[in-house]
Amino acid sequence: MNRQFNLFTLFSRGYSSNSHAVPPRYLKIDPTSEGANSSPLVLLHGLLGSKKNWTSLSKRFSKDLKRTVYALDLRNHGESEHVRPHDYQSMSEDVLEFIKKNDIVNPIVLGHSMGGKVAMVASLTEPDIFSSLIVEDMSPVYSDVGAENMRYVIGLKEIVEAKVKSLKQADEILKKYDSDLTASKVYVSRIPLDIIGPSLDNLSEWDMDISKRFNKPSLLIGGTKSSRVTPEGIKIFRTYFPDSDVSFIDSGHWVHSEKPEEFVQIVESFINKNKL
C-alpha cells in the first residue's frame, strides 16, 4: 500500500487544544554555492497542502537566489501537530515563533492561498520580523472558503472510508467533486479532517485592523483564471501593504504548480529588484 494513504487514516487519533505556538515541521534547503544572501525565504502552503508542495521550487529558489529556503508544514498539515484551533492568528503565531526560535533574520515570507493569509497576518502583526512579503492568489478580504472546500473534505473522507490503495483510485474519487483536484496535488496525507472541516468558517475570515501597515516591499501574484484576487482585493491589499506590486499569470488558483516558470521569474525578479 502507498505510504501516503497509510498515513491518511486519522479518525481514531486524539487531538489537543493548544493556545500556544506549535513548532512546524519543515524542509530546509541551503544554497550550494558560497556567498549566500542574508534574507532566507520562508514558504507557506495552502489549505490541504504541505511543505511537499514546495519541494522542487525550494531547490530552485535556493540555487537561483543563493539563499536558505524553509518550506513549513502549517499546523494540521503534513507532519506538523494536529491541534485546535485552526485559524489565521494561531498559524501566524506558529510561524513567528518558528522564525524567532531558529534565529532566522529578515526573512522573505511567501504564502499560497491559506498560507498567503497566514503570511499577511504574521507580517502585519510583527512587521519588523520580515524583509518583504509575497502572496500567491489570495486577498486580505472575506472569502467563502467553506462553500468552496467542503466538497474536498467530503471527497477526502470518502477516500478514507473506501480504503484506497493507490493515488489513481483516490484521484478517481476526487474527480467526482472537482475535475481539477488530484490527491497528488493536495498531498492529502496526515490531514485531520475532523479539525479542518469545522474550521473552514475560520479560514473564510479576515479581521485584521485596517490601520495596520507593512511598509516593506510586497508582491501579490494572482491567477487570471482564479477569483481570489479581485480589483477590490487589490485595493485593500495596497492599503495594508502600500509598497506593493501586483502581477497576474495566466493560470488558476495553483499558480506556482500550473505555471512554475512564470511564477519563478516574477518572484525572483521582485527579490532581485528590491535587493533582498
C-alpha atoms as a PDB file:
ATOM      1  CA  MET A   1       0.000   0.000   0.000  1.00  0.00           C
ATOM      2  CA  ASN A   2       1.185   3.509  -0.801  1.00  0.00           C
ATOM      3  CA  ARG A   3       2.678   5.071   2.346  1.00  0.00           C
ATOM      4  CA  GLN A   4       0.738   8.274   1.728  1.00  0.00           C
ATOM      5  CA  PHE A   5      -2.556   6.530   2.404  1.00  0.00           C
ATOM      6  CA  ASN A   6      -1.256   4.560   5.369  1.00  0.00           C
ATOM      7  CA  LEU A   7      -0.795   7.960   6.980  1.00  0.00           C
ATOM      8  CA  PHE A   8      -4.214   9.183   5.935  1.00  0.00           C
ATOM      9  CA  THR A   9      -6.489   7.214   8.284  1.00  0.00           C
ATOM     10  CA  LEU A  10      -6.541   9.583  11.224  1.00  0.00           C
ATOM     11  CA  PHE A  11     -10.027   9.470  12.697  1.00  0.00           C
ATOM     12  CA  SER A  12      -9.119   7.418  15.769  1.00  0.00           C
ATOM     13  CA  ARG A  13      -6.306   9.761  16.729  1.00  0.00           C
ATOM     14  CA  GLY A  14      -6.680  12.099  19.690  1.00  0.00           C
ATOM     15  CA  TYR A  15      -6.213  15.822  19.215  1.00  0.00           C
ATOM     16  CA  SER A  16      -5.231  18.560  21.612  1.00  0.00           C
ATOM     17  CA  SER A  17      -6.399  22.111  22.149  1.00  0.00           C
ATOM     18  CA  ASN A  18      -3.460  24.442  22.442  1.00  0.00           C
ATOM     19  CA  SER A  19      -3.340  28.217  22.808  1.00  0.00           C
ATOM     20  CA  HIS A  20       0.442  28.218  22.416  1.00  0.00           C
ATOM     21  CA  ALA A  21       2.540  28.154  19.257  1.00  0.00           C
ATOM     22  CA  VAL A  22       3.016  24.795  17.553  1.00  0.00           C
ATOM     23  CA  PRO A  23       6.520  24.156  16.134  1.00  0.00           C
ATOM     24  CA  PRO A  24       6.084  23.460  12.404  1.00  0.00           C
ATOM     25  CA  ARG A  25       7.886  20.590  10.749  1.00  0.00           C
ATOM     26  CA  TYR A  26       9.888  21.924   7.848  1.00  0.00           C
ATOM     27  CA  LEU A  27      12.108  21.335   4.850  1.00  0.00           C
ATOM     28  CA  LYS A  28      15.340  23.338   4.788  1.00  0.00           C
ATOM     29  CA  ILE A  29      17.391  23.837   1.634  1.00  0.00           C
ATOM     30  CA  ASP A  30      20.771  25.547   1.949  1.00  0.00           C
ATOM     31  CA  PRO A  31      22.495  27.124  -1.067  1.00  0.00           C
ATOM     32  CA  THR A  32      25.234  25.016  -2.598  1.00  0.00           C
ATOM     33  CA  SER A  33      27.396  27.976  -3.630  1.00  0.00           C
ATOM     34  CA  GLU A  34      29.425  30.253  -1.384  1.00  0.00           C
ATOM     35  CA  GLY A  35      28.433  33.826  -0.615  1.00  0.00           C
ATOM     36  CA  ALA A  36      24.825  33.137   0.338  1.00  0.00           C
ATOM     37  CA  ASN A  37      22.449  36.076   0.546  1.00  0.00           C
ATOM     38  CA  SER A  38      21.277  37.044   4.000  1.00  0.00           C
ATOM     39  CA  SER A  39      17.476  37.028   3.660  1.00  0.00           C
ATOM     40  CA  PRO A  40      16.126  33.459   3.816  1.00  0.00           C
ATOM     41  CA  LEU A  41      12.896  32.568   2.057  1.00  0.00           C
ATOM     42  CA  VAL A  42      10.041  31.049   4.102  1.00  0.00           C
ATOM     43  CA  LEU A  43       7.348  29.221   2.082  1.00  0.00           C
ATOM     44  CA  LEU A  44       3.813  28.528   3.339  1.00  0.00           C
ATOM     45  CA  HIS A  45       1.458  26.101   1.582  1.00  0.00           C
ATOM     46  CA  GLY A  46      -2.292  26.388   1.103  1.00  0.00           C
ATOM     47  CA  LEU A  47      -5.249  24.504   2.580  1.00  0.00           C
ATOM     48  CA  LEU A  48      -4.889  20.692   2.302  1.00  0.00           C
ATOM     49  CA  GLY A  49      -1.280  21.138   1.161  1.00  0.00           C
ATOM     50  CA  SER A  50       2.085  20.584   2.806  1.00  0.00           C
ATOM     51  CA  LYS A  51       5.743  21.513   2.553  1.00  0.00           C
ATOM     52  CA  LYS A  52       5.967  18.910  -0.218  1.00  0.00           C
ATOM     53  CA  ASN A  53       4.088  21.334  -2.486  1.00  0.00           C
ATOM     54  CA  TRP A  54       7.260  23.444  -2.458  1.00  0.00           C
ATOM     55  CA  THR A  55       9.963  20.754  -2.794  1.00  0.00           C
ATOM     56  CA  SER A  56      11.117  21.454  -6.355  1.00  0.00           C
ATOM     57  CA  LEU A  57      10.691  25.226  -6.133  1.00  0.00           C
ATOM     58  CA  SER A  58      12.556  25.308  -2.801  1.00  0.00           C
ATOM     59  CA  LYS A  59      15.585  23.827  -4.540  1.00  0.00           C
ATOM     60  CA  ARG A  60      15.195  26.178  -7.488  1.00  0.00           C
ATOM     61  CA  PHE A  61      14.874  29.294  -5.353  1.00  0.00           C
ATOM     62  CA  SER A  62      17.805  28.307  -3.153  1.00  0.00           C
ATOM     63  CA  LYS A  63      20.028  27.777  -6.188  1.00  0.00           C
ATOM     64  CA  ASP A  64      18.934  30.825  -8.178  1.00  0.00           C
ATOM     65  CA  LEU A  65      18.726  33.276  -5.274  1.00  0.00           C
ATOM     66  CA  LYS A  66      21.698  31.860  -3.324  1.00  0.00           C
ATOM     67  CA  ARG A  67      19.891  31.719  -0.009  1.00  0.00           C
ATOM     68  CA  THR A  68      18.423  29.295   2.503  1.00  0.00           C
ATOM     69  CA  VAL A  69      14.822  28.274   1.879  1.00  0.00           C
ATOM     70  CA  TYR A  70      12.437  26.906   4.512  1.00  0.00           C
ATOM     71  CA  ALA A  71       9.172  25.198   3.493  1.00  0.00           C
ATOM     72  CA  LEU A  72       6.874  24.761   6.503  1.00  0.00           C
ATOM     73  CA  ASP A  73       4.065  22.371   7.352  1.00  0.00           C
ATOM     74  CA  LEU A  74       1.422  24.554   8.983  1.00  0.00           C
ATOM     75  CA  ARG A  75      -0.482  23.077  11.932  1.00  0.00           C
ATOM     76  CA  ASN A  76      -2.853  20.235  10.998  1.00  0.00           C
ATOM     77  CA  HIS A  77      -0.987  19.667   7.729  1.00  0.00           C
ATOM     78  CA  GLY A  78       1.872  17.427   6.658  1.00  0.00           C
ATOM     79  CA  GLU A  79       3.959  16.252   9.582  1.00  0.00           C
ATOM     80  CA  SER A  80       3.066  19.071  11.981  1.00  0.00           C
ATOM     81  CA  GLU A  81       0.993  18.607  15.122  1.00  0.00           C
ATOM     82  CA  HIS A  82      -2.772  18.196  14.959  1.00  0.00           C
ATOM     83  CA  VAL A  83      -4.255  20.766  17.296  1.00  0.00           C
ATOM     84  CA  ARG A  84      -7.159  23.147  17.735  1.00  0.00           C
ATOM     85  CA  PRO A  85      -7.792  25.966  16.996  1.00  0.00           C
ATOM     86  CA  HIS A  86      -7.115  26.152  13.277  1.00  0.00           C
ATOM     87  CA  ASP A  87      -7.251  29.835  12.393  1.00  0.00           C
ATOM     88  CA  TYR A  88      -5.016  32.520  10.934  1.00  0.00           C
ATOM     89  CA  GLN A  89      -3.953  34.043  14.231  1.00  0.00           C
ATOM     90  CA  SER A  90      -2.795  30.676  15.586  1.00  0.00           C
ATOM     91  CA  MET A  91      -0.964  29.748  12.398  1.00  0.00           C
ATOM     92  CA  SER A  92       0.738  33.147  12.187  1.00  0.00           C
ATOM     93  CA  GLU A  93       1.896  32.772  15.799  1.00  0.00           C
ATOM     94  CA  ASP A  94       3.362  29.378  14.879  1.00  0.00           C
ATOM     95  CA  VAL A  95       5.297  30.955  12.002  1.00  0.00           C
ATOM     96  CA  LEU A  96       6.548  33.908  14.049  1.00  0.00           C
ATOM     97  CA  GLU A  97       7.718  31.637  16.857  1.00  0.00           C
ATOM     98  CA  PHE A  98       9.471  29.366  14.360  1.00  0.00           C
ATOM     99  CA  ILE A  99      11.372  32.316  12.887  1.00  0.00           C
ATOM    100  CA  LYS A 100      12.451  33.572  16.307  1.00  0.00           C
ATOM    101  CA  LYS A 101      13.469  30.186  17.719  1.00  0.00           C
ATOM    102  CA  ASN A 102      15.528  29.346  14.642  1.00  0.00           C
ATOM    103  CA  ASP A 103      17.256  32.762  14.584  1.00  0.00           C
ATOM    104  CA  ILE A 104      16.046  33.478  11.049  1.00  0.00           C
ATOM    105  CA  VAL A 105      16.910  37.103  10.310  1.00  0.00           C
ATOM    106  CA  ASN A 106      14.968  39.334   7.874  1.00  0.00           C
ATOM    107  CA  PRO A 107      13.195  36.522   6.010  1.00  0.00           C
ATOM    108  CA  ILE A 108      11.076  36.929   2.929  1.00  0.00           C
ATOM    109  CA  VAL A 109       7.735  35.189   3.537  1.00  0.00           C
ATOM    110  CA  LEU A 110       5.843  33.713   0.572  1.00  0.00           C
ATOM    111  CA  GLY A 111       2.438  32.132   1.090  1.00  0.00           C
ATOM    112  CA  HIS A 112      -0.059  30.477  -1.241  1.00  0.00           C
ATOM    113  CA  SER A 113      -3.812  30.723  -0.585  1.00  0.00           C
ATOM    114  CA  MET A 114      -4.364  29.930   3.123  1.00  0.00           C
ATOM    115  CA  GLY A 115      -0.619  30.335   3.571  1.00  0.00           C
ATOM    116  CA  GLY A 116      -0.899  33.738   1.924  1.00  0.00           C
ATOM    117  CA  LYS A 117      -3.322  34.913   4.578  1.00  0.00           C
ATOM    118  CA  VAL A 118      -1.073  33.462   7.275  1.00  0.00           C
ATOM    119  CA  ALA A 119       1.834  35.418   5.782  1.00  0.00           C
ATOM    120  CA  MET A 120      -0.205  38.625   5.690  1.00  0.00           C
ATOM    121  CA  VAL A 121      -1.384  38.262   9.302  1.00  0.00           C
ATOM    122  CA  ALA A 122       2.157  37.489  10.500  1.00  0.00           C
ATOM    123  CA  SER A 123       3.713  40.432   8.651  1.00  0.00           C
ATOM    124  CA  LEU A 124       1.062  42.862   9.897  1.00  0.00           C
ATOM    125  CA  THR A 125       1.357  41.518  13.457  1.00  0.00           C
ATOM    126  CA  GLU A 126       5.149  41.855  13.674  1.00  0.00           C
ATOM    127  CA  PRO A 127       6.342  43.850  10.634  1.00  0.00           C
ATOM    128  CA  ASP A 128       9.894  44.202  11.937  1.00  0.00           C
ATOM    129  CA  ILE A 129      10.425  40.441  11.625  1.00  0.00           C
ATOM    130  CA  PHE A 130      10.246  40.299   7.814  1.00  0.00           C
ATOM    131  CA  SER A 131      12.148  41.950   4.984  1.00  0.00           C
ATOM    132  CA  SER A 132       9.303  41.508   2.490  1.00  0.00           C
ATOM    133  CA  LEU A 133       6.079  39.677   1.674  1.00  0.00           C
ATOM    134  CA  ILE A 134       4.898  37.683  -1.347  1.00  0.00           C
ATOM    135  CA  VAL A 135       1.295  36.457  -1.558  1.00  0.00           C
ATOM    136  CA  GLU A 136       0.107  33.973  -4.159  1.00  0.00           C
ATOM    137  CA  ASP A 137      -3.539  34.176  -5.219  1.00  0.00           C
ATOM    138  CA  MET A 138      -5.149  35.416  -2.023  1.00  0.00           C
ATOM    139  CA  SER A 139      -6.536  38.791  -0.946  1.00  0.00           C
ATOM    140  CA  PRO A 140      -6.940  40.274   2.568  1.00  0.00           C
ATOM    141  CA  VAL A 141     -10.736  40.048   2.424  1.00  0.00           C
ATOM    142  CA  TYR A 142     -13.501  37.666   3.464  1.00  0.00           C
ATOM    143  CA  SER A 143     -13.742  34.698   1.095  1.00  0.00           C
ATOM    144  CA  ASP A 144     -16.155  31.806   1.478  1.00  0.00           C
ATOM    145  CA  VAL A 145     -13.648  29.005   1.943  1.00  0.00           C
ATOM    146  CA  GLY A 146     -16.309  26.717   3.387  1.00  0.00           C
ATOM    147  CA  ALA A 147     -18.525  26.642   0.318  1.00  0.00           C
ATOM    148  CA  GLU A 148     -15.567  26.001  -1.952  1.00  0.00           C
ATOM    149  CA  ASN A 149     -13.641  23.450   0.098  1.00  0.00           C
ATOM    150  CA  MET A 150     -16.266  21.402   1.940  1.00  0.00           C
ATOM    151  CA  ARG A 151     -16.663  19.210  -1.126  1.00  0.00           C
ATOM    152  CA  TYR A 152     -12.923  18.471  -0.954  1.00  0.00           C
ATOM    153  CA  VAL A 153     -13.268  17.424   2.688  1.00  0.00           C
ATOM    154  CA  ILE A 154     -16.215  15.188   1.795  1.00  0.00           C
ATOM    155  CA  GLY A 155     -14.207  13.661  -1.043  1.00  0.00           C
ATOM    156  CA  LEU A 156     -11.205  13.031   1.193  1.00  0.00           C
ATOM    157  CA  LYS A 157     -13.426  11.353   3.783  1.00  0.00           C
ATOM    158  CA  GLU A 158     -14.778   9.102   1.037  1.00  0.00           C
ATOM    159  CA  ILE A 159     -11.181   8.128   0.187  1.00  0.00           C
ATOM    160  CA  VAL A 160     -10.565   7.135   3.790  1.00  0.00           C
ATOM    161  CA  GLU A 161     -13.756   5.114   4.024  1.00  0.00           C
ATOM    162  CA  ALA A 162     -13.005   3.367   0.710  1.00  0.00           C
ATOM    163  CA  LYS A 163      -9.545   2.294   1.989  1.00  0.00           C
ATOM    164  CA  VAL A 164      -7.970   3.082  -1.371  1.00  0.00           C
ATOM    165  CA  LYS A 165      -4.581   1.589  -2.178  1.00  0.00           C
ATOM    166  CA  SER A 166      -3.248   3.999  -4.809  1.00  0.00           C
ATOM    167  CA  LEU A 167      -3.228   7.649  -5.844  1.00  0.00           C
ATOM    168  CA  LYS A 168      -5.061   6.652  -9.035  1.00  0.00           C
ATOM    169  CA  GLN A 169      -8.009   5.322  -7.021  1.00  0.00           C
ATOM    170  CA  ALA A 170      -8.023   8.444  -4.865  1.00  0.00           C
ATOM    171  CA  ASP A 171      -7.958  10.695  -7.929  1.00  0.00           C
ATOM    172  CA  GLU A 172     -10.998   8.928  -9.382  1.00  0.00           C
ATOM    173  CA  ILE A 173     -12.958   9.680  -6.205  1.00  0.00           C
ATOM    174  CA  LEU A 174     -11.867  13.329  -6.062  1.00  0.00           C
ATOM    175  CA  LYS A 175     -12.834  13.893  -9.706  1.00  0.00           C
ATOM    176  CA  LYS A 176     -16.471  13.458  -8.656  1.00  0.00           C
ATOM    177  CA  TYR A 177     -16.086  16.601  -6.549  1.00  0.00           C
ATOM    178  CA  ASP A 178     -13.669  18.662  -8.683  1.00  0.00           C
ATOM    179  CA  SER A 179     -12.229  17.607 -12.036  1.00  0.00           C
ATOM    180  CA  ASP A 180      -9.064  19.645 -11.441  1.00  0.00           C
ATOM    181  CA  LEU A 181      -8.287  18.297  -7.978  1.00  0.00           C
ATOM    182  CA  THR A 182      -5.993  15.306  -7.504  1.00  0.00           C
ATOM    183  CA  ALA A 183      -4.718  13.555  -4.404  1.00  0.00           C
ATOM    184  CA  SER A 184      -1.145  14.145  -5.524  1.00  0.00           C
ATOM    185  CA  LYS A 185      -1.769  17.874  -5.933  1.00  0.00           C
ATOM    186  CA  VAL A 186      -3.074  18.443  -2.402  1.00  0.00           C
ATOM    187  CA  TYR A 187      -0.842  15.897  -0.634  1.00  0.00           C
ATOM    188  CA  VAL A 188      -3.750  14.636   1.422  1.00  0.00           C
ATOM    189  CA  SER A 189      -1.761  12.564   3.922  1.00  0.00           C
ATOM    190  CA  ARG A 190      -1.888  13.399   7.619  1.00  0.00           C
ATOM    191  CA  ILE A 191      -4.735  15.934   7.359  1.00  0.00           C
ATOM    192  CA  PRO A 192      -7.135  15.709  10.358  1.00  0.00           C
ATOM    193  CA  LEU A 193     -10.404  16.220   8.530  1.00  0.00           C
ATOM    194  CA  ASP A 194     -12.420  16.451  11.737  1.00  0.00           C
ATOM    195  CA  ILE A 195     -10.416  19.581  12.640  1.00  0.00           C
ATOM    196  CA  ILE A 196     -10.168  21.103   9.156  1.00  0.00           C
ATOM    197  CA  GLY A 197     -13.848  20.619   8.251  1.00  0.00           C
ATOM    198  CA  PRO A 198     -15.291  22.585  11.207  1.00  0.00           C
ATOM    199  CA  SER A 199     -12.542  25.230  10.779  1.00  0.00           C
ATOM    200  CA  LEU A 200     -13.489  26.274   7.250  1.00  0.00           C
ATOM    201  CA  ASP A 201     -15.525  29.223   8.530  1.00  0.00           C
ATOM    202  CA  ASN A 202     -12.436  30.460  10.412  1.00  0.00           C
ATOM    203  CA  LEU A 203     -10.458  30.285   7.184  1.00  0.00           C
ATOM    204  CA  SER A 204     -13.020  32.438   5.375  1.00  0.00           C
ATOM    205  CA  GLU A 205     -12.488  35.355   7.722  1.00  0.00           C
ATOM    206  CA  TRP A 206     -10.255  38.403   7.535  1.00  0.00           C
ATOM    207  CA  ASP A 207     -10.435  40.602  10.616  1.00  0.00           C
ATOM    208  CA  MET A 208      -7.109  42.436  10.805  1.00  0.00           C
ATOM    209  CA  ASP A 209      -7.296  46.055  11.928  1.00  0.00           C
ATOM    210  CA  ILE A 210      -7.386  48.202   8.758  1.00  0.00           C
ATOM    211  CA  SER A 211      -4.999  50.678  10.376  1.00  0.00           C
ATOM    212  CA  LYS A 212      -2.147  48.144  10.434  1.00  0.00           C
ATOM    213  CA  ARG A 213       0.607  48.544   7.826  1.00  0.00           C
ATOM    214  CA  PHE A 214       3.529  46.598   6.449  1.00  0.00           C
ATOM    215  CA  ASN A 215       5.621  49.255   4.743  1.00  0.00           C
ATOM    216  CA  LYS A 216       8.235  46.996   3.171  1.00  0.00           C
ATOM    217  CA  PRO A 217       8.308  45.600  -0.375  1.00  0.00           C
ATOM    218  CA  SER A 218       5.319  43.361  -1.038  1.00  0.00           C
ATOM    219  CA  LEU A 219       4.104  41.418  -4.058  1.00  0.00           C
ATOM    220  CA  LEU A 220       0.675  39.988  -4.883  1.00  0.00           C
ATOM    221  CA  ILE A 221       0.565  37.343  -7.628  1.00  0.00           C
ATOM    222  CA  GLY A 222      -2.834  36.362  -8.981  1.00  0.00           C
ATOM    223  CA  GLY A 223      -4.074  33.758 -11.417  1.00  0.00           C
ATOM    224  CA  THR A 224      -6.177  35.212 -14.218  1.00  0.00           C
ATOM    225  CA  LYS A 225      -8.494  32.182 -14.128  1.00  0.00           C
ATOM    226  CA  SER A 226      -8.952  32.373 -10.360  1.00  0.00           C
ATOM    227  CA  SER A 227     -11.441  34.534  -8.469  1.00  0.00           C
ATOM    228  CA  ARG A 228      -9.253  35.098  -5.398  1.00  0.00           C
ATOM    229  CA  VAL A 229      -7.647  38.394  -6.482  1.00  0.00           C
ATOM    230  CA  THR A 230     -10.269  40.986  -7.421  1.00  0.00           C
ATOM    231  CA  PRO A 231      -9.984  44.759  -8.004  1.00  0.00           C
ATOM    232  CA  GLU A 232     -11.414  45.314  -4.514  1.00  0.00           C
ATOM    233  CA  GLY A 233      -8.956  42.798  -3.089  1.00  0.00           C
ATOM    234  CA  ILE A 234      -6.053  44.594  -4.763  1.00  0.00           C
ATOM    235  CA  LYS A 235      -7.230  47.929  -3.368  1.00  0.00           C
ATOM    236  CA  ILE A 236      -7.352  46.570   0.180  1.00  0.00           C
ATOM    237  CA  PHE A 237      -4.017  44.762  -0.271  1.00  0.00           C
ATOM    238  CA  ARG A 238      -2.389  48.066  -1.227  1.00  0.00           C
ATOM    239  CA  THR A 239      -3.920  49.712   1.840  1.00  0.00           C
ATOM    240  CA  TYR A 240      -2.270  47.221   4.185  1.00  0.00           C
ATOM    241  CA  PHE A 241       0.861  46.905   2.048  1.00  0.00           C
ATOM    242  CA  PRO A 242       1.473  50.323   0.442  1.00  0.00           C
ATOM    243  CA  ASP A 243       4.879  49.447  -1.062  1.00  0.00           C
ATOM    244  CA  SER A 244       3.433  46.712  -3.250  1.00  0.00           C
ATOM    245  CA  ASP A 245       3.460  45.333  -6.779  1.00  0.00           C
ATOM    246  CA  VAL A 246       0.700  43.240  -8.364  1.00  0.00           C
ATOM    247  CA  SER A 247       1.259  40.703 -11.143  1.00  0.00           C
ATOM    248  CA  PHE A 248      -1.007  38.213 -12.892  1.00  0.00           C
ATOM    249  CA  ILE A 249      -0.177  34.897 -14.542  1.00  0.00           C
ATOM    250  CA  ASP A 250      -2.464  33.042 -16.958  1.00  0.00           C
ATOM    251  CA  SER A 251      -3.407  30.243 -14.576  1.00  0.00           C
ATOM    252  CA  GLY A 252      -5.906  29.069 -11.999  1.00  0.00           C
ATOM    253  CA  HIS A 253      -5.530  29.151  -8.229  1.00  0.00           C
ATOM    254  CA  TRP A 254      -2.441  26.866  -8.097  1.00  0.00           C
ATOM    255  CA  VAL A 255      -0.241  29.399  -9.875  1.00  0.00           C
ATOM    256  CA  HIS A 256       3.154  28.008  -8.827  1.00  0.00           C
ATOM    257  CA  SER A 257       2.097  24.492  -9.850  1.00  0.00           C
ATOM    258  CA  GLU A 258       0.369  25.378 -13.119  1.00  0.00           C
ATOM    259  CA  LYS A 259       2.905  27.919 -14.403  1.00  0.00           C
ATOM    260  CA  PRO A 260       6.110  27.336 -12.417  1.00  0.00           C
ATOM    261  CA  GLU A 261       8.492  29.083 -14.819  1.00  0.00           C
ATOM    262  CA  GLU A 262       6.441  32.275 -14.984  1.00  0.00           C
ATOM    263  CA  PHE A 263       5.949  32.167 -11.219  1.00  0.00           C
ATOM    264  CA  VAL A 264       9.670  31.749 -10.525  1.00  0.00           C
ATOM    265  CA  GLN A 265      10.535  34.580 -12.910  1.00  0.00           C
ATOM    266  CA  ILE A 266       8.171  37.038 -11.203  1.00  0.00           C
ATOM    267  CA  VAL A 267       9.248  36.065  -7.673  1.00  0.00           C
ATOM    268  CA  GLU A 268      12.958  36.206  -8.444  1.00  0.00           C
ATOM    269  CA  SER A 269      12.652  39.484 -10.342  1.00  0.00           C
ATOM    270  CA  PHE A 270      10.861  41.038  -7.363  1.00  0.00           C
ATOM    271  CA  ILE A 271      13.509  39.821  -4.904  1.00  0.00           C
ATOM    272  CA  ASN A 272      16.412  40.923  -7.095  1.00  0.00           C
ATOM    273  CA  LYS A 273      14.830  44.295  -7.904  1.00  0.00           C
ATOM    274  CA  ASN A 274      14.437  45.080  -4.214  1.00  0.00           C
ATOM    275  CA  LYS A 275      17.928  43.739  -3.383  1.00  0.00           C
ATOM    276  CA  LEU A 276      16.542  41.470  -0.676  1.00  0.00           C
END
